[in-house]
Amino acid sequence: MSGNPDDPPIERRSHPRMAVLKDGTIITEDVKVACSVRNQHAHGAELRVDPGVVVPDRFVLHIHADGVEYRAVVRWRRNERLGIQIY
């Protein structure tokens, strides 16, 4: 049985996300890649990079507005979007 199309979507995330728009830098030993942080929570974030940019599975994320760096691992990829876990 399907729900009413007017019903709001069911939230399946275990941590609520805050929509943000912050500039960031993905940092590895070899390269620095500009990105934008689109949503963020205590354990992760969604990043956007330019189309065609190759991002490794593990990196350091520097968020300019907050002046902080996080170690990050990619949990999912969809085109230029990346879901990361930070620790």
N, C-alpha and C. Protein backbone atom coordinates (compact mmCIF):
# COMPACT_ATOMS: atom_id res chain seq x y z
N MET A 1 0.85 -1.17 0.00
CA MET A 1 0.00 0.00 0.00
C MET A 1 0.89 1.23 0.00
N SER A 2 0.66 2.17 -0.91
CA SER A 2 1.48 3.38 -1.00
C SER A 2 0.82 4.51 -0.23
N GLY A 3 1.65 5.46 0.23
CA GLY A 3 1.16 6.60 0.98
C GLY A 3 0.58 7.66 0.07
N ASN A 4 -0.03 8.63 0.67
CA ASN A 4 -0.59 9.77 -0.04
C ASN A 4 0.55 10.59 -0.63
N PRO A 5 0.51 10.94 -1.93
CA PRO A 5 1.60 11.71 -2.54
C PRO A 5 1.79 13.09 -1.91
N ASP A 6 0.78 13.58 -1.18
CA ASP A 6 0.90 14.88 -0.53
C ASP A 6 1.58 14.80 0.84
N ASP A 7 1.77 13.56 1.34
CA ASP A 7 2.44 13.38 2.62
C ASP A 7 3.91 13.76 2.49
N PRO A 8 4.52 14.34 3.56
CA PRO A 8 5.95 14.65 3.50
C PRO A 8 6.76 13.35 3.44
N PRO A 9 7.96 13.38 2.84
CA PRO A 9 8.78 12.17 2.79
C PRO A 9 9.18 11.72 4.19
N ILE A 10 9.36 10.42 4.33
CA ILE A 10 9.78 9.86 5.61
C ILE A 10 11.27 10.07 5.77
N GLU A 11 11.68 10.64 6.90
CA GLU A 11 13.11 10.88 7.17
C GLU A 11 13.73 9.59 7.68
N ARG A 12 14.70 9.04 6.94
CA ARG A 12 15.35 7.79 7.31
C ARG A 12 16.73 8.02 7.93
N ARG A 13 17.19 9.23 7.97
CA ARG A 13 18.53 9.53 8.50
C ARG A 13 18.53 9.41 10.02
N SER A 14 19.65 8.93 10.56
CA SER A 14 19.75 8.80 12.01
C SER A 14 20.18 10.10 12.67
N HIS A 15 20.75 11.05 11.90
CA HIS A 15 21.17 12.34 12.43
C HIS A 15 20.56 13.44 11.57
N PRO A 16 19.84 14.40 12.18
CA PRO A 16 19.25 15.48 11.39
C PRO A 16 20.33 16.33 10.73
N ARG A 17 20.07 16.74 9.48
CA ARG A 17 21.02 17.57 8.74
C ARG A 17 20.58 19.02 8.79
N MET A 18 21.57 19.91 8.83
CA MET A 18 21.30 21.34 8.70
C MET A 18 21.75 21.77 7.32
N ALA A 19 20.87 22.39 6.57
CA ALA A 19 21.25 22.91 5.26
C ALA A 19 22.22 24.07 5.47
N VAL A 20 23.35 24.01 4.78
CA VAL A 20 24.36 25.06 4.88
C VAL A 20 24.91 25.31 3.48
N LEU A 21 25.64 26.36 3.32
CA LEU A 21 26.37 26.62 2.09
C LEU A 21 27.70 27.24 2.50
N LYS A 22 28.70 26.36 2.63
CA LYS A 22 30.03 26.80 3.07
C LYS A 22 31.05 26.35 2.06
N ASP A 23 32.10 27.15 1.88
CA ASP A 23 33.22 26.75 1.04
C ASP A 23 34.13 25.83 1.82
N GLY A 24 34.67 24.85 1.12
CA GLY A 24 35.60 23.93 1.75
C GLY A 24 36.71 23.54 0.80
N THR A 25 37.70 22.84 1.34
CA THR A 25 38.79 22.31 0.54
C THR A 25 39.02 20.86 0.94
N ILE A 26 39.04 19.98 -0.06
CA ILE A 26 39.39 18.58 0.13
C ILE A 26 40.90 18.50 -0.02
N ILE A 27 41.58 18.00 1.01
CA ILE A 27 43.04 18.00 1.02
C ILE A 27 43.55 16.57 1.09
N THR A 28 44.46 16.23 0.16
CA THR A 28 45.16 14.95 0.19
C THR A 28 46.65 15.25 0.13
N GLU A 29 47.46 14.23 0.14
CA GLU A 29 48.90 14.43 0.04
C GLU A 29 49.28 15.06 -1.30
N ASP A 30 48.51 14.78 -2.34
CA ASP A 30 48.86 15.19 -3.69
C ASP A 30 48.12 16.42 -4.22
N VAL A 31 46.94 16.72 -3.68
CA VAL A 31 46.10 17.72 -4.34
C VAL A 31 45.18 18.41 -3.33
N LYS A 32 44.72 19.61 -3.71
CA LYS A 32 43.67 20.32 -2.98
C LYS A 32 42.54 20.58 -3.97
N VAL A 33 41.30 20.26 -3.55
CA VAL A 33 40.13 20.39 -4.42
C VAL A 33 39.11 21.27 -3.73
N ALA A 34 38.64 22.29 -4.42
CA ALA A 34 37.58 23.15 -3.88
C ALA A 34 36.26 22.39 -3.86
N CYS A 35 35.46 22.63 -2.83
CA CYS A 35 34.14 22.01 -2.74
C CYS A 35 33.20 22.95 -2.00
N SER A 36 31.92 22.62 -2.03
CA SER A 36 30.95 23.34 -1.20
C SER A 36 30.29 22.33 -0.29
N VAL A 37 30.04 22.74 0.94
CA VAL A 37 29.36 21.91 1.92
C VAL A 37 27.89 22.30 1.84
N ARG A 38 27.02 21.33 1.53
CA ARG A 38 25.60 21.62 1.31
C ARG A 38 24.72 21.30 2.50
N ASN A 39 25.08 20.28 3.26
CA ASN A 39 24.41 20.03 4.54
C ASN A 39 25.42 19.39 5.46
N GLN A 40 25.18 19.50 6.75
CA GLN A 40 26.18 19.09 7.70
C GLN A 40 25.50 18.66 8.99
N HIS A 41 26.09 17.66 9.64
CA HIS A 41 25.65 17.25 10.96
C HIS A 41 26.88 16.80 11.74
N ALA A 42 26.70 16.33 12.95
CA ALA A 42 27.83 16.02 13.82
C ALA A 42 28.73 14.92 13.27
N HIS A 43 28.20 14.04 12.42
CA HIS A 43 28.97 12.89 11.96
C HIS A 43 29.24 12.87 10.46
N GLY A 44 28.81 13.89 9.74
CA GLY A 44 29.03 13.87 8.30
C GLY A 44 28.53 15.11 7.60
N ALA A 45 28.58 15.03 6.27
CA ALA A 45 28.17 16.17 5.46
C ALA A 45 27.94 15.71 4.02
N GLU A 46 27.27 16.55 3.25
CA GLU A 46 27.17 16.35 1.81
C GLU A 46 28.01 17.44 1.15
N LEU A 47 28.90 17.02 0.28
CA LEU A 47 29.77 17.94 -0.45
C LEU A 47 29.41 17.94 -1.92
N ARG A 48 29.71 19.04 -2.59
CA ARG A 48 29.60 19.13 -4.04
C ARG A 48 30.93 19.59 -4.59
N VAL A 49 31.36 18.93 -5.65
CA VAL A 49 32.60 19.28 -6.35
C VAL A 49 32.26 19.54 -7.81
N ASP A 50 33.19 20.13 -8.54
CA ASP A 50 32.97 20.35 -9.96
C ASP A 50 32.83 19.01 -10.68
N PRO A 51 31.99 18.95 -11.73
CA PRO A 51 31.85 17.69 -12.48
C PRO A 51 33.21 17.22 -13.01
N GLY A 52 33.42 15.91 -12.94
CA GLY A 52 34.65 15.33 -13.46
C GLY A 52 35.81 15.30 -12.48
N VAL A 53 35.67 15.95 -11.32
CA VAL A 53 36.74 15.95 -10.34
C VAL A 53 36.80 14.59 -9.65
N VAL A 54 37.99 14.04 -9.54
CA VAL A 54 38.18 12.75 -8.87
C VAL A 54 38.56 13.02 -7.42
N VAL A 55 37.78 12.45 -6.51
CA VAL A 55 38.02 12.63 -5.08
C VAL A 55 38.33 11.25 -4.49
N PRO A 56 39.43 11.13 -3.74
CA PRO A 56 39.77 9.83 -3.14
C PRO A 56 38.77 9.46 -2.03
N ASP A 57 38.83 8.21 -1.59
CA ASP A 57 37.91 7.72 -0.56
C ASP A 57 38.17 8.33 0.81
N ARG A 58 39.43 8.74 1.08
CA ARG A 58 39.79 9.33 2.38
C ARG A 58 40.55 10.64 2.15
N PHE A 59 40.24 11.64 2.96
CA PHE A 59 40.89 12.94 2.82
C PHE A 59 40.66 13.77 4.07
N VAL A 60 41.26 14.94 4.10
CA VAL A 60 41.00 15.94 5.15
C VAL A 60 40.11 17.01 4.52
N LEU A 61 39.05 17.38 5.22
CA LEU A 61 38.14 18.44 4.77
C LEU A 61 38.38 19.67 5.62
N HIS A 62 38.75 20.77 4.97
CA HIS A 62 38.91 22.06 5.65
C HIS A 62 37.68 22.89 5.33
N ILE A 63 36.96 23.36 6.36
CA ILE A 63 35.80 24.24 6.17
C ILE A 63 36.23 25.64 6.56
N HIS A 64 36.33 26.50 5.55
CA HIS A 64 36.89 27.84 5.72
C HIS A 64 36.14 28.68 6.76
N ALA A 65 34.81 28.73 6.68
CA ALA A 65 34.03 29.60 7.57
C ALA A 65 34.18 29.22 9.03
N ASP A 66 34.38 27.92 9.29
CA ASP A 66 34.49 27.44 10.67
C ASP A 66 35.94 27.38 11.14
N GLY A 67 36.89 27.43 10.20
CA GLY A 67 38.30 27.34 10.55
C GLY A 67 38.67 25.99 11.14
N VAL A 68 38.01 24.92 10.68
CA VAL A 68 38.27 23.59 11.22
C VAL A 68 38.62 22.61 10.10
N GLU A 69 39.29 21.53 10.49
CA GLU A 69 39.60 20.44 9.57
C GLU A 69 39.10 19.14 10.18
N TYR A 70 38.55 18.28 9.32
CA TYR A 70 38.05 16.98 9.73
C TYR A 70 38.69 15.91 8.85
N ARG A 71 38.97 14.77 9.43
CA ARG A 71 39.32 13.61 8.62
C ARG A 71 37.99 13.05 8.11
N ALA A 72 37.96 12.65 6.85
CA ALA A 72 36.70 12.24 6.24
C ALA A 72 36.88 10.99 5.40
N VAL A 73 35.79 10.23 5.30
CA VAL A 73 35.74 9.06 4.43
C VAL A 73 34.44 9.14 3.63
N VAL A 74 34.52 8.86 2.33
CA VAL A 74 33.34 8.92 1.46
C VAL A 74 32.47 7.71 1.73
N ARG A 75 31.18 7.94 1.95
CA ARG A 75 30.21 6.87 2.18
C ARG A 75 29.33 6.63 0.96
N TRP A 76 29.10 7.67 0.14
CA TRP A 76 28.36 7.50 -1.11
C TRP A 76 28.76 8.58 -2.10
N ARG A 77 28.52 8.29 -3.39
CA ARG A 77 28.83 9.22 -4.48
C ARG A 77 27.68 9.22 -5.47
N ARG A 78 27.26 10.40 -5.90
CA ARG A 78 26.25 10.56 -6.95
C ARG A 78 26.64 11.78 -7.78
N ASN A 79 27.22 11.49 -8.96
CA ASN A 79 27.69 12.55 -9.85
C ASN A 79 28.68 13.45 -9.10
N GLU A 80 28.36 14.74 -8.98
CA GLU A 80 29.29 15.66 -8.30
C GLU A 80 29.00 15.78 -6.80
N ARG A 81 28.11 14.95 -6.28
CA ARG A 81 27.76 14.97 -4.85
C ARG A 81 28.47 13.83 -4.12
N LEU A 82 28.92 14.13 -2.90
CA LEU A 82 29.59 13.13 -2.05
C LEU A 82 28.97 13.17 -0.66
N GLY A 83 28.64 12.02 -0.12
CA GLY A 83 28.23 11.92 1.27
C GLY A 83 29.44 11.44 2.06
N ILE A 84 29.82 12.19 3.08
CA ILE A 84 31.02 11.82 3.84
C ILE A 84 30.69 11.61 5.30
N GLN A 85 31.49 10.77 5.93
CA GLN A 85 31.49 10.63 7.38
C GLN A 85 32.73 11.34 7.89
N ILE A 86 32.57 12.15 8.92
CA ILE A 86 33.72 12.86 9.48
C ILE A 86 34.04 12.31 10.86
N TYR A 87 35.32 12.35 11.19
CA TYR A 87 35.77 11.85 12.50
C TYR A 87 37.01 12.56 12.93
